[in-house]
Amino acid sequence: MARWGMVFDLRRCIGCNACSVACKQENSLPYGVFFTRTLSEDIGEYPHASRVYIPTLCNHCEDAPCERVCPTGATHTRPDGIVMVDEEKCIGCGSCIVACPYDQRTLVEPEMLENGLFGDGHLTPFEQQGYTRFTPGTVIKCTFCHERVDAGLDPACVVTCPTDARIFGDLDDPESRVRRLIQEHRARQPMPEKNTKPRVFYID
């Protein structure tokens, strides 16, 4: 079985946020909720200044602290490495939110699903059909678009990236593109000092 992971090529990311928009649409995320964000950092001084963009999402850690602290077993890792949340088991205690060193989890508040994008309580048809997937009082996060992956497709953020800065694939396949990129460029994992063994890697 595949063990899914992702590579971010920072040399290619232009900070367009197409990934964030695609993720919002694919997952029908409420206002203010993001499963993926693109951070930015300014380097140097004028006239030799530049800006680096840093995409972020759930790192689907092999040793996921969110899973360790979950009192009900709601947070669990699939055999293919994707970290999931079972909303039927989640009690919304927030332990996983505190435990995640990457700040990649969100508690679904009732008002998120009631106010709508325009904050007037009138949901658009898109929101009406999309918000049914959420249960107030439970925690949500990036799942690598597991439904797409199960159908043999790449996550929405990967498909949408116009510069091919996001690469998704099987970390256990020595011939996969992600595996080759990690080895060729000595890609690094975020915050290695946390010892969570993320399945997300960055090429500087």
N, C-alpha and C. Protein backbone atom coordinates (compact mmCIF):
# COMPACT_ATOMS: atom_id res chain seq x y z
N MET A 1 0.84 -1.20 0.00
CA MET A 1 0.00 0.00 0.00
C MET A 1 0.87 1.25 0.00
N ALA A 2 0.41 2.26 -0.71
CA ALA A 2 1.12 3.53 -0.78
C ALA A 2 1.16 4.22 0.59
N ARG A 3 2.18 5.03 0.78
CA ARG A 3 2.27 5.88 1.97
C ARG A 3 2.41 7.30 1.46
N TRP A 4 1.30 8.04 1.49
CA TRP A 4 1.23 9.31 0.80
C TRP A 4 1.99 10.43 1.51
N GLY A 5 2.58 11.31 0.71
CA GLY A 5 3.27 12.48 1.24
C GLY A 5 3.29 13.57 0.19
N MET A 6 3.80 14.73 0.60
CA MET A 6 3.81 15.88 -0.31
C MET A 6 5.14 16.61 -0.22
N VAL A 7 5.56 17.17 -1.34
CA VAL A 7 6.75 18.00 -1.41
C VAL A 7 6.35 19.39 -1.85
N PHE A 8 6.85 20.40 -1.14
CA PHE A 8 6.68 21.79 -1.54
C PHE A 8 8.01 22.29 -2.11
N ASP A 9 8.00 22.71 -3.35
CA ASP A 9 9.20 23.27 -3.97
C ASP A 9 9.12 24.79 -3.84
N LEU A 10 9.82 25.33 -2.83
CA LEU A 10 9.74 26.76 -2.55
C LEU A 10 10.33 27.60 -3.68
N ARG A 11 11.13 26.99 -4.52
CA ARG A 11 11.69 27.72 -5.66
C ARG A 11 10.62 28.05 -6.68
N ARG A 12 9.53 27.32 -6.64
CA ARG A 12 8.48 27.49 -7.64
C ARG A 12 7.25 28.25 -7.13
N CYS A 13 7.04 28.25 -5.81
CA CYS A 13 5.83 28.88 -5.27
C CYS A 13 5.87 30.39 -5.48
N ILE A 14 4.79 30.94 -6.06
CA ILE A 14 4.72 32.38 -6.35
C ILE A 14 3.71 33.09 -5.43
N GLY A 15 3.16 32.37 -4.46
CA GLY A 15 2.26 33.00 -3.50
C GLY A 15 0.93 33.42 -4.08
N CYS A 16 0.46 32.74 -5.11
CA CYS A 16 -0.79 33.14 -5.76
C CYS A 16 -2.02 32.74 -4.96
N ASN A 17 -1.86 31.79 -4.04
CA ASN A 17 -2.95 31.28 -3.19
C ASN A 17 -4.04 30.54 -3.95
N ALA A 18 -3.73 30.09 -5.16
CA ALA A 18 -4.69 29.26 -5.89
C ALA A 18 -4.97 27.98 -5.10
N CYS A 19 -3.96 27.49 -4.39
CA CYS A 19 -4.12 26.29 -3.58
C CYS A 19 -5.15 26.50 -2.48
N SER A 20 -5.09 27.66 -1.83
CA SER A 20 -6.03 27.95 -0.75
C SER A 20 -7.45 28.05 -1.27
N VAL A 21 -7.61 28.68 -2.42
CA VAL A 21 -8.94 28.82 -3.03
C VAL A 21 -9.49 27.45 -3.43
N ALA A 22 -8.64 26.63 -4.03
CA ALA A 22 -9.07 25.30 -4.46
C ALA A 22 -9.47 24.45 -3.26
N CYS A 23 -8.70 24.56 -2.18
CA CYS A 23 -8.99 23.81 -0.97
C CYS A 23 -10.31 24.26 -0.35
N LYS A 24 -10.53 25.57 -0.30
CA LYS A 24 -11.78 26.10 0.24
C LYS A 24 -12.98 25.56 -0.54
N GLN A 25 -12.84 25.54 -1.85
CA GLN A 25 -13.95 25.09 -2.69
C GLN A 25 -14.15 23.59 -2.59
N GLU A 26 -13.06 22.84 -2.66
CA GLU A 26 -13.16 21.38 -2.62
C GLU A 26 -13.78 20.89 -1.32
N ASN A 27 -13.44 21.55 -0.22
CA ASN A 27 -13.88 21.10 1.10
C ASN A 27 -15.03 21.91 1.68
N SER A 28 -15.56 22.86 0.90
CA SER A 28 -16.68 23.69 1.34
C SER A 28 -16.41 24.32 2.71
N LEU A 29 -15.21 24.86 2.88
CA LEU A 29 -14.80 25.36 4.18
C LEU A 29 -15.53 26.64 4.56
N PRO A 30 -15.96 26.75 5.80
CA PRO A 30 -16.64 27.96 6.27
C PRO A 30 -15.72 29.18 6.26
N TYR A 31 -16.32 30.33 6.40
CA TYR A 31 -15.58 31.59 6.43
C TYR A 31 -14.53 31.56 7.54
N GLY A 32 -13.31 31.93 7.19
CA GLY A 32 -12.23 32.01 8.16
C GLY A 32 -11.49 30.71 8.41
N VAL A 33 -11.93 29.61 7.77
CA VAL A 33 -11.29 28.31 7.96
C VAL A 33 -10.43 27.97 6.75
N PHE A 34 -9.19 27.62 7.00
CA PHE A 34 -8.27 27.25 5.92
C PHE A 34 -7.56 25.96 6.30
N PHE A 35 -7.52 25.02 5.36
CA PHE A 35 -6.72 23.82 5.56
C PHE A 35 -5.31 24.00 5.04
N THR A 36 -5.11 24.95 4.15
CA THR A 36 -3.78 25.27 3.65
C THR A 36 -3.63 26.77 3.54
N ARG A 37 -2.50 27.26 3.95
CA ARG A 37 -2.18 28.69 3.89
C ARG A 37 -0.80 28.85 3.26
N THR A 38 -0.56 30.03 2.71
CA THR A 38 0.76 30.34 2.17
C THR A 38 1.32 31.53 2.94
N LEU A 39 2.34 31.25 3.73
CA LEU A 39 3.01 32.30 4.49
C LEU A 39 4.04 32.98 3.60
N SER A 40 4.49 34.16 4.00
CA SER A 40 5.52 34.86 3.22
C SER A 40 6.57 35.45 4.15
N GLU A 41 7.78 35.55 3.63
CA GLU A 41 8.88 36.11 4.40
C GLU A 41 9.75 36.95 3.48
N ASP A 42 10.02 38.17 3.90
CA ASP A 42 10.89 39.06 3.14
C ASP A 42 12.33 38.85 3.56
N ILE A 43 13.20 38.72 2.58
CA ILE A 43 14.60 38.44 2.83
C ILE A 43 15.46 39.53 2.21
N GLY A 44 16.49 39.97 2.93
CA GLY A 44 17.40 40.98 2.41
C GLY A 44 16.86 42.40 2.56
N GLU A 45 17.61 43.34 2.00
CA GLU A 45 17.23 44.75 2.04
C GLU A 45 17.34 45.35 0.65
N TYR A 46 16.56 46.38 0.43
CA TYR A 46 16.58 47.08 -0.86
C TYR A 46 18.01 47.57 -1.16
N PRO A 47 18.48 47.40 -2.37
CA PRO A 47 17.77 46.91 -3.56
C PRO A 47 17.93 45.41 -3.80
N HIS A 48 18.39 44.71 -2.80
CA HIS A 48 18.61 43.27 -2.96
C HIS A 48 17.63 42.50 -2.06
N ALA A 49 16.37 42.84 -2.17
CA ALA A 49 15.34 42.20 -1.36
C ALA A 49 14.55 41.21 -2.20
N SER A 50 14.05 40.21 -1.53
CA SER A 50 13.21 39.22 -2.20
C SER A 50 12.19 38.68 -1.21
N ARG A 51 11.22 38.01 -1.73
CA ARG A 51 10.17 37.45 -0.89
C ARG A 51 10.06 35.96 -1.15
N VAL A 52 9.98 35.19 -0.07
CA VAL A 52 9.83 33.74 -0.17
C VAL A 52 8.44 33.36 0.32
N TYR A 53 7.79 32.48 -0.41
CA TYR A 53 6.46 32.00 -0.02
C TYR A 53 6.57 30.58 0.53
N ILE A 54 5.85 30.33 1.62
CA ILE A 54 5.96 29.06 2.31
C ILE A 54 4.56 28.45 2.49
N PRO A 55 4.19 27.49 1.65
CA PRO A 55 2.89 26.82 1.81
C PRO A 55 2.87 25.96 3.07
N THR A 56 1.72 25.86 3.70
CA THR A 56 1.57 25.03 4.89
C THR A 56 0.26 24.27 4.84
N LEU A 57 0.23 23.12 5.48
CA LEU A 57 -0.99 22.34 5.70
C LEU A 57 -0.70 21.29 6.76
N CYS A 58 -1.66 20.42 7.05
CA CYS A 58 -1.42 19.34 7.99
C CYS A 58 -0.30 18.47 7.44
N ASN A 59 0.66 18.13 8.29
CA ASN A 59 1.83 17.39 7.83
C ASN A 59 1.67 15.88 7.91
N HIS A 60 0.52 15.41 8.36
CA HIS A 60 0.22 13.97 8.41
C HIS A 60 1.41 13.20 8.98
N CYS A 61 1.76 13.59 10.20
CA CYS A 61 2.95 13.06 10.86
C CYS A 61 2.87 11.56 11.12
N GLU A 62 4.00 10.90 10.99
CA GLU A 62 4.07 9.48 11.32
C GLU A 62 3.89 9.27 12.82
N ASP A 63 4.45 10.17 13.60
CA ASP A 63 4.28 10.13 15.06
C ASP A 63 3.46 11.35 15.45
N ALA A 64 2.18 11.30 15.13
CA ALA A 64 1.32 12.48 15.26
C ALA A 64 0.94 12.74 16.72
N PRO A 65 1.35 13.87 17.28
CA PRO A 65 0.99 14.17 18.68
C PRO A 65 -0.51 14.34 18.86
N CYS A 66 -1.19 14.80 17.81
CA CYS A 66 -2.64 14.97 17.90
C CYS A 66 -3.33 13.63 18.13
N GLU A 67 -2.79 12.59 17.51
CA GLU A 67 -3.36 11.25 17.68
C GLU A 67 -3.08 10.70 19.08
N ARG A 68 -1.89 10.98 19.57
CA ARG A 68 -1.52 10.45 20.89
C ARG A 68 -2.39 11.01 22.01
N VAL A 69 -2.78 12.28 21.89
CA VAL A 69 -3.52 12.91 22.99
C VAL A 69 -5.03 12.76 22.86
N CYS A 70 -5.51 12.30 21.73
CA CYS A 70 -6.96 12.19 21.53
C CYS A 70 -7.55 11.16 22.49
N PRO A 71 -8.47 11.56 23.36
CA PRO A 71 -8.98 10.64 24.39
C PRO A 71 -9.99 9.63 23.88
N THR A 72 -10.54 9.85 22.68
CA THR A 72 -11.60 8.97 22.19
C THR A 72 -11.17 8.13 20.99
N GLY A 73 -9.96 8.38 20.48
CA GLY A 73 -9.54 7.67 19.28
C GLY A 73 -10.11 8.26 18.01
N ALA A 74 -10.68 9.46 18.10
CA ALA A 74 -11.25 10.09 16.91
C ALA A 74 -10.17 10.40 15.88
N THR A 75 -9.04 10.89 16.36
CA THR A 75 -7.91 11.12 15.46
C THR A 75 -7.17 9.81 15.27
N HIS A 76 -7.04 9.42 14.02
CA HIS A 76 -6.39 8.15 13.72
C HIS A 76 -5.67 8.26 12.38
N THR A 77 -4.72 7.37 12.15
CA THR A 77 -3.95 7.35 10.92
C THR A 77 -4.35 6.16 10.07
N ARG A 78 -4.71 6.43 8.83
CA ARG A 78 -5.05 5.35 7.92
C ARG A 78 -3.80 4.55 7.55
N PRO A 79 -3.97 3.35 7.04
CA PRO A 79 -2.81 2.56 6.64
C PRO A 79 -1.93 3.25 5.60
N ASP A 80 -2.51 4.17 4.83
CA ASP A 80 -1.72 4.88 3.82
C ASP A 80 -1.07 6.15 4.36
N GLY A 81 -1.18 6.37 5.69
CA GLY A 81 -0.49 7.49 6.31
C GLY A 81 -1.30 8.77 6.46
N ILE A 82 -2.50 8.82 5.91
CA ILE A 82 -3.31 10.03 6.03
C ILE A 82 -3.95 10.08 7.41
N VAL A 83 -3.74 11.19 8.12
CA VAL A 83 -4.29 11.38 9.45
C VAL A 83 -5.71 11.93 9.33
N MET A 84 -6.64 11.24 9.95
CA MET A 84 -8.06 11.58 9.82
C MET A 84 -8.67 11.90 11.19
N VAL A 85 -9.88 12.47 11.16
CA VAL A 85 -10.67 12.70 12.36
C VAL A 85 -12.05 12.08 12.15
N ASP A 86 -12.44 11.18 13.03
CA ASP A 86 -13.77 10.57 12.99
C ASP A 86 -14.72 11.47 13.76
N GLU A 87 -15.59 12.16 13.03
CA GLU A 87 -16.46 13.13 13.69
C GLU A 87 -17.46 12.47 14.63
N GLU A 88 -17.73 11.19 14.44
CA GLU A 88 -18.65 10.50 15.33
C GLU A 88 -18.01 10.22 16.68
N LYS A 89 -16.69 10.20 16.72
CA LYS A 89 -15.98 9.97 17.98
C LYS A 89 -15.46 11.25 18.61
N CYS A 90 -15.31 12.29 17.80
CA CYS A 90 -14.75 13.55 18.29
C CYS A 90 -15.70 14.23 19.27
N ILE A 91 -15.18 14.63 20.43
CA ILE A 91 -15.98 15.31 21.44
C ILE A 91 -15.63 16.79 21.53
N GLY A 92 -14.75 17.24 20.65
CA GLY A 92 -14.42 18.66 20.61
C GLY A 92 -13.66 19.16 21.81
N CYS A 93 -12.89 18.29 22.46
CA CYS A 93 -12.17 18.71 23.68
C CYS A 93 -11.02 19.66 23.38
N GLY A 94 -10.53 19.63 22.14
CA GLY A 94 -9.46 20.55 21.75
C GLY A 94 -8.06 20.08 22.09
N SER A 95 -7.92 18.88 22.63
CA SER A 95 -6.59 18.39 22.98
C SER A 95 -5.68 18.33 21.76
N CYS A 96 -6.22 17.90 20.64
CA CYS A 96 -5.41 17.78 19.43
C CYS A 96 -4.98 19.15 18.92
N ILE A 97 -5.83 20.14 19.10
CA ILE A 97 -5.49 21.50 18.65
C ILE A 97 -4.28 22.01 19.42
N VAL A 98 -4.29 21.76 20.73
CA VAL A 98 -3.18 22.19 21.57
C VAL A 98 -1.92 21.40 21.25
N ALA A 99 -2.08 20.11 20.98
CA ALA A 99 -0.92 19.24 20.76
C ALA A 99 -0.24 19.46 19.43
N CYS A 100 -0.97 19.92 18.42
CA CYS A 100 -0.38 20.09 17.09
C CYS A 100 0.61 21.24 17.08
N PRO A 101 1.90 20.97 16.84
CA PRO A 101 2.89 22.05 16.85
C PRO A 101 2.82 22.93 15.60
N TYR A 102 2.00 22.53 14.64
CA TYR A 102 1.92 23.26 13.37
C TYR A 102 0.65 24.09 13.24
N ASP A 103 -0.20 24.08 14.27
CA ASP A 103 -1.43 24.88 14.27
C ASP A 103 -2.28 24.57 13.05
N GLN A 104 -2.59 23.30 12.85
CA GLN A 104 -3.29 22.89 11.64
C GLN A 104 -4.65 22.24 11.91
N ARG A 105 -5.28 22.59 13.00
CA ARG A 105 -6.60 22.04 13.31
C ARG A 105 -7.56 23.14 13.70
N THR A 106 -8.84 22.93 13.39
CA THR A 106 -9.85 23.95 13.66
C THR A 106 -11.08 23.32 14.29
N LEU A 107 -11.58 23.93 15.35
CA LEU A 107 -12.83 23.51 15.97
C LEU A 107 -13.99 24.17 15.23
N VAL A 108 -14.96 23.38 14.82
CA VAL A 108 -16.12 23.91 14.10
C VAL A 108 -17.09 24.51 15.10
N GLU A 109 -17.18 25.82 15.10
CA GLU A 109 -18.14 26.52 15.95
C GLU A 109 -19.49 26.62 15.23
N PRO A 110 -20.60 26.54 15.96
CA PRO A 110 -21.92 26.60 15.31
C PRO A 110 -22.10 27.83 14.43
N GLU A 111 -21.60 28.98 14.89
CA GLU A 111 -21.79 30.21 14.11
C GLU A 111 -21.08 30.17 12.77
N MET A 112 -20.04 29.34 12.66
CA MET A 112 -19.35 29.21 11.38
C MET A 112 -20.29 28.69 10.30
N LEU A 113 -21.20 27.84 10.70
CA LEU A 113 -22.11 27.22 9.75
C LEU A 113 -23.43 27.96 9.64
N GLU A 114 -23.64 28.94 10.51
CA GLU A 114 -24.91 29.66 10.54
C GLU A 114 -24.84 31.03 9.89
N ASN A 115 -23.71 31.72 10.07
CA ASN A 115 -23.62 33.10 9.59
C ASN A 115 -23.43 33.20 8.09
N GLY A 116 -22.72 32.24 7.51
CA GLY A 116 -22.47 32.30 6.07
C GLY A 116 -21.35 33.26 5.71
N LEU A 117 -20.95 33.21 4.45
CA LEU A 117 -19.84 34.01 3.98
C LEU A 117 -20.07 35.50 4.19
N PHE A 118 -21.31 35.95 4.05
CA PHE A 118 -21.59 37.38 4.14
C PHE A 118 -22.01 37.80 5.54
N GLY A 119 -22.06 36.85 6.49
CA GLY A 119 -22.33 37.18 7.87
C GLY A 119 -23.74 37.60 8.18
N ASP A 120 -24.67 37.34 7.27
CA ASP A 120 -26.05 37.78 7.48
C ASP A 120 -27.01 36.63 7.77
N GLY A 121 -26.46 35.42 7.92
CA GLY A 121 -27.31 34.29 8.22
C GLY A 121 -27.96 33.65 7.02
N HIS A 122 -27.73 34.20 5.84
CA HIS A 122 -28.29 33.64 4.61
C HIS A 122 -27.19 32.88 3.88
N LEU A 123 -27.33 31.56 3.85
CA LEU A 123 -26.32 30.73 3.20
C LEU A 123 -26.56 30.65 1.71
N THR A 124 -25.48 30.71 0.95
CA THR A 124 -25.58 30.52 -0.49
C THR A 124 -25.88 29.06 -0.78
N PRO A 125 -26.39 28.74 -1.98
CA PRO A 125 -26.63 27.32 -2.31
C PRO A 125 -25.38 26.47 -2.15
N PHE A 126 -24.21 27.04 -2.47
CA PHE A 126 -22.96 26.31 -2.30
C PHE A 126 -22.72 25.98 -0.84
N GLU A 127 -22.97 26.96 0.04
CA GLU A 127 -22.79 26.72 1.47
C GLU A 127 -23.82 25.73 2.00
N GLN A 128 -25.04 25.82 1.53
CA GLN A 128 -26.09 24.93 2.00
C GLN A 128 -25.75 23.47 1.74
N GLN A 129 -25.21 23.17 0.58
CA GLN A 129 -24.89 21.79 0.28
C GLN A 129 -23.56 21.36 0.91
N GLY A 130 -22.64 22.31 1.07
CA GLY A 130 -21.32 21.97 1.56
C GLY A 130 -21.21 21.84 3.07
N TYR A 131 -21.95 22.66 3.79
CA TYR A 131 -21.82 22.67 5.24
C TYR A 131 -22.42 21.43 5.90
N THR A 132 -23.17 20.64 5.14
CA THR A 132 -23.75 19.43 5.71
C THR A 132 -22.68 18.41 6.10
N ARG A 133 -21.48 18.58 5.58
CA ARG A 133 -20.40 17.63 5.90
C ARG A 133 -19.79 17.90 7.27
N PHE A 134 -20.12 19.03 7.88
CA PHE A 134 -19.50 19.40 9.15
C PHE A 134 -20.46 19.19 10.32
N THR A 135 -19.89 18.84 11.47
CA THR A 135 -20.65 18.68 12.70
C THR A 135 -20.15 19.70 13.72
N PRO A 136 -21.00 20.63 14.13
CA PRO A 136 -20.55 21.62 15.12
C PRO A 136 -19.99 20.94 16.37
N GLY A 137 -18.92 21.52 16.89
CA GLY A 137 -18.30 20.98 18.10
C GLY A 137 -17.27 19.90 17.84
N THR A 138 -16.95 19.67 16.56
CA THR A 138 -15.90 18.70 16.23
C THR A 138 -14.74 19.41 15.56
N VAL A 139 -13.61 18.72 15.47
CA VAL A 139 -12.40 19.30 14.90
C VAL A 139 -12.23 18.82 13.46
N ILE A 140 -11.79 19.75 12.60
CA ILE A 140 -11.55 19.42 11.20
C ILE A 140 -10.13 19.81 10.81
N LYS A 141 -9.63 19.20 9.73
CA LYS A 141 -8.27 19.44 9.27
C LYS A 141 -8.13 18.95 7.84
N CYS A 142 -6.97 19.25 7.25
CA CYS A 142 -6.63 18.74 5.93
C CYS A 142 -6.55 17.22 5.97
N THR A 143 -7.11 16.58 4.95
CA THR A 143 -7.03 15.12 4.84
C THR A 143 -6.35 14.70 3.54
N PHE A 144 -5.55 15.60 2.97
CA PHE A 144 -4.94 15.33 1.66
C PHE A 144 -6.03 15.06 0.61
N CYS A 145 -7.25 15.62 0.85
CA CYS A 145 -8.38 15.35 -0.05
C CYS A 145 -8.54 13.83 -0.22
N HIS A 146 -8.70 13.14 0.90
CA HIS A 146 -8.69 11.67 0.90
C HIS A 146 -9.67 11.05 -0.07
N GLU A 147 -10.81 11.71 -0.29
CA GLU A 147 -11.80 11.16 -1.23
C GLU A 147 -11.25 11.18 -2.66
N ARG A 148 -10.53 12.24 -2.99
CA ARG A 148 -9.90 12.31 -4.30
C ARG A 148 -8.79 11.27 -4.41
N VAL A 149 -7.99 11.16 -3.37
CA VAL A 149 -6.89 10.19 -3.37
C VAL A 149 -7.42 8.77 -3.54
N ASP A 150 -8.52 8.46 -2.83
CA ASP A 150 -9.11 7.14 -2.93
C ASP A 150 -9.64 6.86 -4.34
N ALA A 151 -9.93 7.93 -5.07
CA ALA A 151 -10.42 7.78 -6.45
C ALA A 151 -9.29 7.82 -7.46
N GLY A 152 -8.05 7.86 -6.97
CA GLY A 152 -6.90 7.87 -7.86
C GLY A 152 -6.50 9.25 -8.35
N LEU A 153 -6.98 10.30 -7.67
CA LEU A 153 -6.70 11.68 -8.06
C LEU A 153 -5.76 12.34 -7.06
N ASP A 154 -5.11 13.40 -7.48
CA ASP A 154 -4.28 14.19 -6.59
C ASP A 154 -5.15 15.14 -5.78
N PRO A 155 -4.67 15.62 -4.62
CA PRO A 155 -5.41 16.63 -3.87
C PRO A 155 -5.68 17.87 -4.71
N ALA A 156 -6.76 18.58 -4.37
CA ALA A 156 -7.17 19.74 -5.15
C ALA A 156 -6.09 20.81 -5.21
N CYS A 157 -5.36 21.01 -4.11
CA CYS A 157 -4.33 22.05 -4.10
C CYS A 157 -3.20 21.72 -5.06
N VAL A 158 -2.90 20.44 -5.21
CA VAL A 158 -1.83 20.01 -6.11
C VAL A 158 -2.24 20.21 -7.56
N VAL A 159 -3.46 19.83 -7.87
CA VAL A 159 -3.96 19.94 -9.25
C VAL A 159 -4.02 21.40 -9.69
N THR A 160 -4.35 22.29 -8.74
CA THR A 160 -4.58 23.69 -9.07
C THR A 160 -3.30 24.51 -9.15
N CYS A 161 -2.23 24.07 -8.51
CA CYS A 161 -1.00 24.86 -8.46
C CYS A 161 -0.48 25.14 -9.88
N PRO A 162 -0.37 26.41 -10.29
CA PRO A 162 0.01 26.73 -11.67
C PRO A 162 1.50 26.58 -11.95
N THR A 163 2.31 26.46 -10.90
CA THR A 163 3.76 26.39 -11.10
C THR A 163 4.34 25.04 -10.73
N ASP A 164 3.49 24.09 -10.41
CA ASP A 164 3.95 22.74 -10.05
C ASP A 164 4.83 22.78 -8.80
N ALA A 165 4.45 23.64 -7.85
CA ALA A 165 5.23 23.76 -6.61
C ALA A 165 4.82 22.72 -5.58
N ARG A 166 3.68 22.06 -5.80
CA ARG A 166 3.19 21.02 -4.89
C ARG A 166 3.22 19.69 -5.62
N ILE A 167 3.91 18.73 -5.03
CA ILE A 167 4.01 17.41 -5.65
C ILE A 167 3.54 16.38 -4.64
N PHE A 168 2.63 15.52 -5.06
CA PHE A 168 2.03 14.52 -4.18
C PHE A 168 2.35 13.13 -4.71
N GLY A 169 2.61 12.19 -3.80
CA GLY A 169 2.88 10.85 -4.27
C GLY A 169 3.22 9.88 -3.15
N ASP A 170 3.66 8.71 -3.55
CA ASP A 170 3.95 7.61 -2.63
C ASP A 170 5.39 7.72 -2.12
N LEU A 171 5.54 7.94 -0.84
CA LEU A 171 6.87 8.08 -0.24
C LEU A 171 7.64 6.77 -0.23
N ASP A 172 6.93 5.66 -0.31
CA ASP A 172 7.59 4.36 -0.26
C ASP A 172 8.02 3.85 -1.64
N ASP A 173 7.59 4.54 -2.68
CA ASP A 173 7.94 4.12 -4.04
C ASP A 173 9.23 4.81 -4.47
N PRO A 174 10.34 4.07 -4.61
CA PRO A 174 11.61 4.70 -4.97
C PRO A 174 11.59 5.38 -6.33
N GLU A 175 10.60 5.05 -7.16
CA GLU A 175 10.50 5.65 -8.49
C GLU A 175 9.53 6.82 -8.52
N SER A 176 8.85 7.09 -7.40
CA SER A 176 7.88 8.18 -7.39
C SER A 176 8.59 9.53 -7.44
N ARG A 177 7.91 10.51 -7.96
CA ARG A 177 8.52 11.84 -8.09
C ARG A 177 8.84 12.45 -6.74
N VAL A 178 7.94 12.26 -5.76
CA VAL A 178 8.19 12.85 -4.44
C VAL A 178 9.44 12.24 -3.82
N ARG A 179 9.59 10.95 -3.95
CA ARG A 179 10.75 10.27 -3.37
C ARG A 179 12.04 10.75 -4.03
N ARG A 180 12.01 10.90 -5.34
CA ARG A 180 13.21 11.35 -6.05
C ARG A 180 13.56 12.78 -5.70
N LEU A 181 12.55 13.63 -5.58
CA LEU A 181 12.80 15.04 -5.24
C LEU A 181 13.39 15.16 -3.84
N ILE A 182 12.87 14.38 -2.91
CA ILE A 182 13.37 14.41 -1.54
C ILE A 182 14.84 14.02 -1.49
N GLN A 183 15.19 13.00 -2.22
CA GLN A 183 16.57 12.52 -2.21
C GLN A 183 17.51 13.44 -2.98
N GLU A 184 17.07 13.91 -4.14
CA GLU A 184 17.94 14.73 -4.98
C GLU A 184 18.22 16.09 -4.37
N HIS A 185 17.24 16.65 -3.67
CA HIS A 185 17.37 18.01 -3.15
C HIS A 185 17.50 18.05 -1.63
N ARG A 186 17.62 16.87 -1.02
CA ARG A 186 17.72 16.81 0.43
C ARG A 186 16.62 17.64 1.09
N ALA A 187 15.41 17.39 0.63
CA ALA A 187 14.26 18.13 1.14
C ALA A 187 14.14 17.93 2.65
N ARG A 188 13.71 18.96 3.32
CA ARG A 188 13.65 18.91 4.78
C ARG A 188 12.20 18.92 5.27
N GLN A 189 12.01 18.36 6.44
CA GLN A 189 10.70 18.34 7.07
C GLN A 189 10.54 19.56 7.97
N PRO A 190 9.32 20.05 8.14
CA PRO A 190 9.12 21.22 8.99
C PRO A 190 9.31 20.90 10.47
N MET A 191 10.00 21.76 11.17
CA MET A 191 10.22 21.67 12.61
C MET A 191 10.67 20.27 13.02
N PRO A 192 11.80 19.81 12.49
CA PRO A 192 12.27 18.45 12.81
C PRO A 192 12.54 18.24 14.29
N GLU A 193 12.78 19.33 15.01
CA GLU A 193 13.06 19.21 16.44
C GLU A 193 11.86 18.67 17.23
N LYS A 194 10.68 18.70 16.62
CA LYS A 194 9.48 18.20 17.29
C LYS A 194 9.37 16.67 17.21
N ASN A 195 10.19 16.06 16.34
CA ASN A 195 10.23 14.60 16.23
C ASN A 195 8.88 13.99 15.87
N THR A 196 8.11 14.68 15.04
CA THR A 196 6.80 14.16 14.64
C THR A 196 6.86 13.38 13.33
N LYS A 197 7.99 13.44 12.65
CA LYS A 197 8.19 12.74 11.37
C LYS A 197 7.12 13.10 10.35
N PRO A 198 7.06 14.36 9.95
CA PRO A 198 6.05 14.79 8.99
C PRO A 198 6.20 14.07 7.65
N ARG A 199 5.08 13.90 6.97
CA ARG A 199 5.09 13.34 5.62
C ARG A 199 5.04 14.46 4.57
N VAL A 200 5.41 15.64 5.00
CA VAL A 200 5.50 16.81 4.12
C VAL A 200 6.94 17.29 4.15
N PHE A 201 7.47 17.61 2.96
CA PHE A 201 8.88 18.00 2.83
C PHE A 201 8.98 19.29 2.03
N TYR A 202 10.05 20.06 2.30
CA TYR A 202 10.28 21.33 1.63
C TYR A 202 11.61 21.33 0.90
N ILE A 203 11.59 21.83 -0.33
CA ILE A 203 12.82 22.08 -1.08
C ILE A 203 13.09 23.57 -1.02
N ASP A 204 14.23 23.96 -0.47
CA ASP A 204 14.56 25.38 -0.31
C ASP A 204 14.86 26.00 -1.66
